[in-house]
Each structure stands twice: as structure tokens, then as C-alpha cells.
Amino acid sequence: MQSTPRFLQGVFPFEGKGLESPFPLDAALTYTVPPGAVTQPVYFRGGNGIDDLVYIVLMRDGRPMRYFPIGAKGDVHVPLRVVEDLDGGTVVELYLAAPTGSAGWIVVDLGLVEV
């Protein structure tokens, strides 16, 4: 069985809309599991360049799956020990939540394995 690595990653500007209002960060951070394949998220890395806490939400078919808080001017690396199979057709996206009025840049890197 051959596996294929997939990544949702990049550096993105943002303007915060409130910590209770996560929003899609960029269209490039959306992935749909191909029909007949199974995918698992295996890690998340992120970096936050502003003076406030932000968090990334891994969304699965429009519902929160995992939250990744990133401290002020901090970074995080989360190896996902509990992984879940994502069946063909499942849509995963990365959302960002940041305080209202904040603005800056965020670095994200979500690693997935497609089988």
C-alpha cells in the first residue's frame, strides 16, 4: 500500500474577527480526500507574529475537528497521536480566530497522509 504526503501550508496575512469567530484563512488551505482514498492528519505546525493569542481550527466537513492555540509571538508543533481516518469526499479546511482589530501574519503547516 503506497501512501502520499499532502500538505496545507503557507504564510498568510489576516485581520482578526474575534476569538469566537473563526474564519477560513485562505482557499489554499482546503483539501478534499479523493474518492476511494483514506487520509489521516499527522501533525500541525504554526507560528503567530502578533502580540495576542490566536488559534487555528482544523475543520472537517464544516465542523471543528481539532483546535491549535498559538501564543503571542509564539509557535507550536503538535504531532497528532490520535489520528482519525478521513474517508473519500471528506473536506478539511484550516480556519483562524484572532482578536477583533488584530492584524498580522500566520504560518501554518498541516501534514496529512493519503492512502
N, C-alpha and C. Protein backbone atom coordinates (compact mmCIF):
# COMPACT_ATOMS: atom_id res chain seq x y z
N MET A 1 0.85 -1.17 0.00
CA MET A 1 0.00 0.00 0.00
C MET A 1 0.90 1.24 0.00
N GLN A 2 0.71 2.09 -0.97
CA GLN A 2 1.53 3.29 -1.11
C GLN A 2 0.82 4.48 -0.46
N SER A 3 1.58 5.28 0.28
CA SER A 3 1.00 6.49 0.88
C SER A 3 1.57 7.72 0.18
N THR A 4 0.80 8.78 0.19
CA THR A 4 1.20 10.03 -0.44
C THR A 4 1.08 11.16 0.57
N PRO A 5 2.15 11.89 0.84
CA PRO A 5 2.03 13.02 1.76
C PRO A 5 1.29 14.18 1.10
N ARG A 6 0.48 14.85 1.88
CA ARG A 6 -0.25 16.05 1.43
C ARG A 6 -0.02 17.13 2.49
N PHE A 7 0.02 18.38 2.05
CA PHE A 7 0.29 19.47 2.98
C PHE A 7 -0.65 20.64 2.73
N LEU A 8 -1.12 21.22 3.80
CA LEU A 8 -1.81 22.51 3.74
C LEU A 8 -0.87 23.46 4.45
N GLN A 9 -0.25 24.37 3.72
CA GLN A 9 0.80 25.16 4.34
C GLN A 9 0.98 26.49 3.63
N GLY A 10 1.61 27.42 4.35
CA GLY A 10 1.93 28.72 3.79
C GLY A 10 1.99 29.79 4.85
N VAL A 11 2.23 31.01 4.38
CA VAL A 11 2.27 32.19 5.25
C VAL A 11 1.16 33.11 4.76
N PHE A 12 0.28 33.53 5.68
CA PHE A 12 -0.92 34.24 5.28
C PHE A 12 -1.15 35.48 6.15
N PRO A 13 -1.53 36.60 5.51
CA PRO A 13 -1.92 37.78 6.29
C PRO A 13 -3.35 37.58 6.81
N PHE A 14 -3.68 38.26 7.91
CA PHE A 14 -5.06 38.15 8.43
C PHE A 14 -5.43 39.41 9.19
N GLU A 15 -6.74 39.58 9.33
CA GLU A 15 -7.32 40.59 10.23
C GLU A 15 -8.30 39.86 11.12
N GLY A 16 -8.11 39.95 12.43
CA GLY A 16 -8.93 39.23 13.39
C GLY A 16 -10.37 39.67 13.39
N LYS A 17 -11.26 38.70 13.63
CA LYS A 17 -12.71 38.96 13.68
C LYS A 17 -13.29 38.57 15.03
N GLY A 18 -12.42 38.29 16.01
CA GLY A 18 -12.88 37.87 17.33
C GLY A 18 -12.51 36.43 17.59
N LEU A 19 -12.13 36.13 18.84
CA LEU A 19 -11.71 34.76 19.17
C LEU A 19 -12.85 33.76 19.07
N GLU A 20 -14.09 34.26 19.11
CA GLU A 20 -15.23 33.36 19.00
C GLU A 20 -15.74 33.27 17.56
N SER A 21 -14.98 33.85 16.62
CA SER A 21 -15.42 33.87 15.22
C SER A 21 -14.34 33.40 14.27
N PRO A 22 -14.03 32.09 14.28
CA PRO A 22 -13.04 31.60 13.33
C PRO A 22 -13.54 31.73 11.89
N PHE A 23 -12.61 31.96 10.98
CA PHE A 23 -12.96 32.14 9.57
C PHE A 23 -11.94 31.40 8.70
N PRO A 24 -12.35 31.04 7.46
CA PRO A 24 -11.40 30.38 6.56
C PRO A 24 -10.24 31.32 6.28
N LEU A 25 -9.04 30.82 6.42
CA LEU A 25 -7.86 31.66 6.27
C LEU A 25 -7.51 31.91 4.82
N ASP A 26 -7.60 30.88 3.97
CA ASP A 26 -7.25 31.02 2.56
C ASP A 26 -7.77 29.79 1.82
N ALA A 27 -8.18 29.98 0.58
CA ALA A 27 -8.71 28.86 -0.21
C ALA A 27 -7.67 27.76 -0.41
N ALA A 28 -6.38 28.11 -0.34
CA ALA A 28 -5.32 27.11 -0.50
C ALA A 28 -5.25 26.14 0.68
N LEU A 29 -5.96 26.44 1.76
CA LEU A 29 -5.93 25.61 2.96
C LEU A 29 -7.16 24.71 3.05
N THR A 30 -7.62 24.26 1.90
CA THR A 30 -8.74 23.33 1.81
C THR A 30 -8.27 22.10 1.04
N TYR A 31 -8.67 20.93 1.54
CA TYR A 31 -8.29 19.67 0.90
C TYR A 31 -9.49 18.73 0.94
N THR A 32 -9.77 18.09 -0.19
CA THR A 32 -10.84 17.10 -0.26
C THR A 32 -10.21 15.74 -0.49
N VAL A 33 -10.53 14.79 0.37
CA VAL A 33 -10.00 13.43 0.23
C VAL A 33 -10.55 12.83 -1.06
N PRO A 34 -9.67 12.33 -1.93
CA PRO A 34 -10.14 11.76 -3.20
C PRO A 34 -11.03 10.53 -2.96
N PRO A 35 -11.97 10.28 -3.88
CA PRO A 35 -12.81 9.08 -3.76
C PRO A 35 -11.94 7.82 -3.74
N GLY A 36 -12.25 6.89 -2.87
CA GLY A 36 -11.52 5.64 -2.77
C GLY A 36 -10.25 5.71 -1.93
N ALA A 37 -9.90 6.89 -1.45
CA ALA A 37 -8.71 7.06 -0.61
C ALA A 37 -9.13 7.32 0.83
N VAL A 38 -8.18 7.12 1.73
CA VAL A 38 -8.35 7.46 3.14
C VAL A 38 -7.16 8.34 3.52
N THR A 39 -7.42 9.38 4.28
CA THR A 39 -6.37 10.31 4.68
C THR A 39 -6.39 10.49 6.19
N GLN A 40 -5.20 10.69 6.75
CA GLN A 40 -5.09 10.97 8.18
C GLN A 40 -4.24 12.23 8.38
N PRO A 41 -4.69 13.15 9.23
CA PRO A 41 -3.82 14.27 9.62
C PRO A 41 -2.77 13.74 10.59
N VAL A 42 -1.51 14.12 10.41
CA VAL A 42 -0.45 13.56 11.26
C VAL A 42 0.29 14.60 12.11
N TYR A 43 0.27 15.87 11.70
CA TYR A 43 0.89 16.88 12.55
C TYR A 43 0.39 18.27 12.16
N PHE A 44 0.59 19.22 13.06
CA PHE A 44 0.31 20.63 12.78
C PHE A 44 1.46 21.46 13.33
N ARG A 45 1.91 22.42 12.54
CA ARG A 45 2.88 23.41 12.99
C ARG A 45 2.32 24.78 12.68
N GLY A 46 2.57 25.71 13.57
CA GLY A 46 2.09 27.07 13.32
C GLY A 46 2.95 28.10 14.01
N GLY A 47 2.96 29.29 13.44
CA GLY A 47 3.68 30.42 14.02
C GLY A 47 2.81 31.66 13.96
N ASN A 48 2.85 32.43 15.04
CA ASN A 48 2.00 33.62 15.19
C ASN A 48 2.90 34.82 15.42
N GLY A 49 2.79 35.84 14.57
CA GLY A 49 3.65 37.01 14.68
C GLY A 49 3.07 38.19 15.43
N ILE A 50 1.87 38.06 16.02
CA ILE A 50 1.27 39.22 16.71
C ILE A 50 1.36 39.07 18.24
N ASP A 51 0.99 40.13 18.93
CA ASP A 51 1.10 40.18 20.40
C ASP A 51 -0.10 39.58 21.13
N ASP A 52 -0.93 38.81 20.45
CA ASP A 52 -2.12 38.21 21.05
C ASP A 52 -2.19 36.72 20.71
N LEU A 53 -2.92 36.02 21.57
CA LEU A 53 -3.22 34.61 21.29
C LEU A 53 -4.10 34.51 20.05
N VAL A 54 -3.82 33.55 19.21
CA VAL A 54 -4.69 33.19 18.10
C VAL A 54 -4.86 31.68 18.15
N TYR A 55 -5.78 31.17 17.38
CA TYR A 55 -5.84 29.71 17.23
C TYR A 55 -6.30 29.33 15.84
N ILE A 56 -5.85 28.15 15.45
CA ILE A 56 -6.23 27.54 14.19
C ILE A 56 -7.21 26.42 14.51
N VAL A 57 -8.24 26.30 13.70
CA VAL A 57 -9.20 25.21 13.83
C VAL A 57 -9.13 24.35 12.58
N LEU A 58 -8.88 23.06 12.79
CA LEU A 58 -8.97 22.10 11.69
C LEU A 58 -10.44 21.71 11.57
N MET A 59 -11.04 22.07 10.45
CA MET A 59 -12.46 21.79 10.23
C MET A 59 -12.60 20.53 9.38
N ARG A 60 -13.59 19.73 9.72
CA ARG A 60 -13.91 18.52 8.96
C ARG A 60 -15.36 18.63 8.52
N ASP A 61 -15.57 18.74 7.22
CA ASP A 61 -16.91 18.91 6.66
C ASP A 61 -17.69 20.02 7.37
N GLY A 62 -16.99 21.13 7.62
CA GLY A 62 -17.63 22.31 8.20
C GLY A 62 -17.77 22.31 9.70
N ARG A 63 -17.24 21.29 10.38
CA ARG A 63 -17.34 21.22 11.84
C ARG A 63 -15.94 21.13 12.44
N PRO A 64 -15.73 21.76 13.60
CA PRO A 64 -14.41 21.72 14.23
C PRO A 64 -13.98 20.28 14.55
N MET A 65 -12.71 19.99 14.22
CA MET A 65 -12.15 18.66 14.50
C MET A 65 -11.03 18.76 15.54
N ARG A 66 -10.15 19.76 15.42
CA ARG A 66 -9.06 20.00 16.37
C ARG A 66 -8.81 21.50 16.47
N TYR A 67 -8.40 21.94 17.68
CA TYR A 67 -8.03 23.33 17.92
C TYR A 67 -6.53 23.39 18.22
N PHE A 68 -5.85 24.39 17.64
CA PHE A 68 -4.42 24.56 17.86
C PHE A 68 -4.17 26.00 18.32
N PRO A 69 -4.14 26.26 19.61
CA PRO A 69 -3.82 27.62 20.08
C PRO A 69 -2.34 27.93 19.85
N ILE A 70 -2.07 29.18 19.48
CA ILE A 70 -0.69 29.64 19.27
C ILE A 70 -0.53 30.93 20.04
N GLY A 71 0.36 30.93 21.02
CA GLY A 71 0.56 32.09 21.88
C GLY A 71 1.12 33.30 21.14
N ALA A 72 1.09 34.45 21.84
CA ALA A 72 1.61 35.70 21.28
C ALA A 72 3.05 35.52 20.83
N LYS A 73 3.31 35.89 19.60
CA LYS A 73 4.65 35.77 19.02
C LYS A 73 5.27 34.41 19.33
N GLY A 74 4.43 33.39 19.19
CA GLY A 74 4.88 32.04 19.52
C GLY A 74 4.70 31.08 18.37
N ASP A 75 5.10 29.86 18.64
CA ASP A 75 4.93 28.80 17.65
C ASP A 75 4.55 27.51 18.35
N VAL A 76 4.09 26.57 17.57
CA VAL A 76 3.64 25.30 18.11
C VAL A 76 3.90 24.20 17.09
N HIS A 77 4.24 23.01 17.60
CA HIS A 77 4.34 21.80 16.78
C HIS A 77 3.57 20.73 17.52
N VAL A 78 2.53 20.22 16.89
CA VAL A 78 1.68 19.23 17.53
C VAL A 78 1.68 17.95 16.70
N PRO A 79 2.42 16.92 17.15
CA PRO A 79 2.28 15.62 16.48
C PRO A 79 0.95 15.01 16.93
N LEU A 80 0.12 14.63 15.99
CA LEU A 80 -1.21 14.13 16.34
C LEU A 80 -1.13 12.65 16.67
N ARG A 81 -1.17 12.32 17.94
CA ARG A 81 -1.06 10.93 18.40
C ARG A 81 -2.36 10.17 18.16
N VAL A 82 -3.46 10.86 18.25
CA VAL A 82 -4.75 10.23 17.99
C VAL A 82 -5.19 10.70 16.61
N VAL A 83 -5.05 9.82 15.64
CA VAL A 83 -5.41 10.19 14.28
C VAL A 83 -6.73 9.52 13.91
N GLU A 84 -7.40 10.11 12.98
CA GLU A 84 -8.68 9.59 12.54
C GLU A 84 -8.64 9.42 11.03
N ASP A 85 -9.27 8.37 10.55
CA ASP A 85 -9.40 8.18 9.11
C ASP A 85 -10.41 9.17 8.55
N LEU A 86 -10.03 9.81 7.47
CA LEU A 86 -10.93 10.70 6.75
C LEU A 86 -11.23 10.01 5.42
N ASP A 87 -12.46 9.61 5.23
CA ASP A 87 -12.86 8.87 4.04
C ASP A 87 -12.97 9.78 2.81
N GLY A 88 -12.99 9.16 1.64
CA GLY A 88 -13.12 9.90 0.39
C GLY A 88 -14.31 10.85 0.43
N GLY A 89 -14.11 12.04 -0.08
CA GLY A 89 -15.16 13.05 -0.10
C GLY A 89 -15.14 13.98 1.10
N THR A 90 -14.41 13.62 2.15
CA THR A 90 -14.32 14.48 3.33
C THR A 90 -13.54 15.75 2.96
N VAL A 91 -14.05 16.89 3.41
CA VAL A 91 -13.38 18.17 3.16
C VAL A 91 -12.77 18.66 4.46
N VAL A 92 -11.46 18.94 4.44
CA VAL A 92 -10.80 19.52 5.61
C VAL A 92 -10.32 20.93 5.23
N GLU A 93 -10.42 21.85 6.20
CA GLU A 93 -10.02 23.24 6.00
C GLU A 93 -9.38 23.75 7.27
N LEU A 94 -8.53 24.75 7.13
CA LEU A 94 -7.96 25.42 8.29
C LEU A 94 -8.60 26.79 8.43
N TYR A 95 -9.13 27.05 9.63
CA TYR A 95 -9.72 28.35 9.96
C TYR A 95 -8.80 29.02 10.99
N LEU A 96 -8.91 30.33 11.07
CA LEU A 96 -8.15 31.11 12.04
C LEU A 96 -9.10 31.94 12.89
N ALA A 97 -8.82 32.07 14.17
CA ALA A 97 -9.53 33.01 15.04
C ALA A 97 -8.49 33.89 15.72
N ALA A 98 -8.73 35.19 15.71
CA ALA A 98 -7.83 36.17 16.32
C ALA A 98 -8.67 37.31 16.88
N PRO A 99 -8.14 38.03 17.88
CA PRO A 99 -8.92 39.12 18.46
C PRO A 99 -9.33 40.16 17.42
N THR A 100 -10.50 40.72 17.63
CA THR A 100 -11.02 41.77 16.76
C THR A 100 -10.02 42.93 16.70
N GLY A 101 -9.73 43.39 15.51
CA GLY A 101 -8.83 44.52 15.32
C GLY A 101 -7.37 44.13 15.21
N SER A 102 -7.03 42.90 15.52
CA SER A 102 -5.64 42.47 15.37
C SER A 102 -5.36 42.19 13.89
N ALA A 103 -4.13 42.31 13.52
CA ALA A 103 -3.73 42.01 12.15
C ALA A 103 -2.29 41.57 12.15
N GLY A 104 -1.96 40.68 11.25
CA GLY A 104 -0.59 40.20 11.17
C GLY A 104 -0.47 39.07 10.17
N TRP A 105 0.52 38.24 10.43
CA TRP A 105 0.82 37.12 9.56
C TRP A 105 0.83 35.85 10.40
N ILE A 106 0.38 34.76 9.78
CA ILE A 106 0.37 33.47 10.44
C ILE A 106 1.04 32.45 9.52
N VAL A 107 1.80 31.57 10.11
CA VAL A 107 2.44 30.48 9.37
C VAL A 107 1.75 29.19 9.76
N VAL A 108 1.30 28.41 8.79
CA VAL A 108 0.65 27.14 9.09
C VAL A 108 1.24 26.03 8.23
N ASP A 109 1.25 24.83 8.79
CA ASP A 109 1.75 23.66 8.08
C ASP A 109 1.03 22.44 8.67
N LEU A 110 0.06 21.93 7.93
CA LEU A 110 -0.67 20.73 8.35
C LEU A 110 -0.22 19.59 7.45
N GLY A 111 0.29 18.52 8.08
CA GLY A 111 0.73 17.35 7.33
C GLY A 111 -0.33 16.28 7.35
N LEU A 112 -0.63 15.73 6.18
CA LEU A 112 -1.61 14.67 6.02
C LEU A 112 -0.96 13.51 5.28
N VAL A 113 -1.45 12.30 5.50
CA VAL A 113 -1.00 11.14 4.74
C VAL A 113 -2.23 10.54 4.07
N GLU A 114 -2.14 10.43 2.75
CA GLU A 114 -3.24 9.88 1.95
C GLU A 114 -2.86 8.46 1.54
N VAL A 115 -3.74 7.51 1.78
CA VAL A 115 -3.51 6.10 1.42
C VAL A 115 -4.60 5.64 0.48
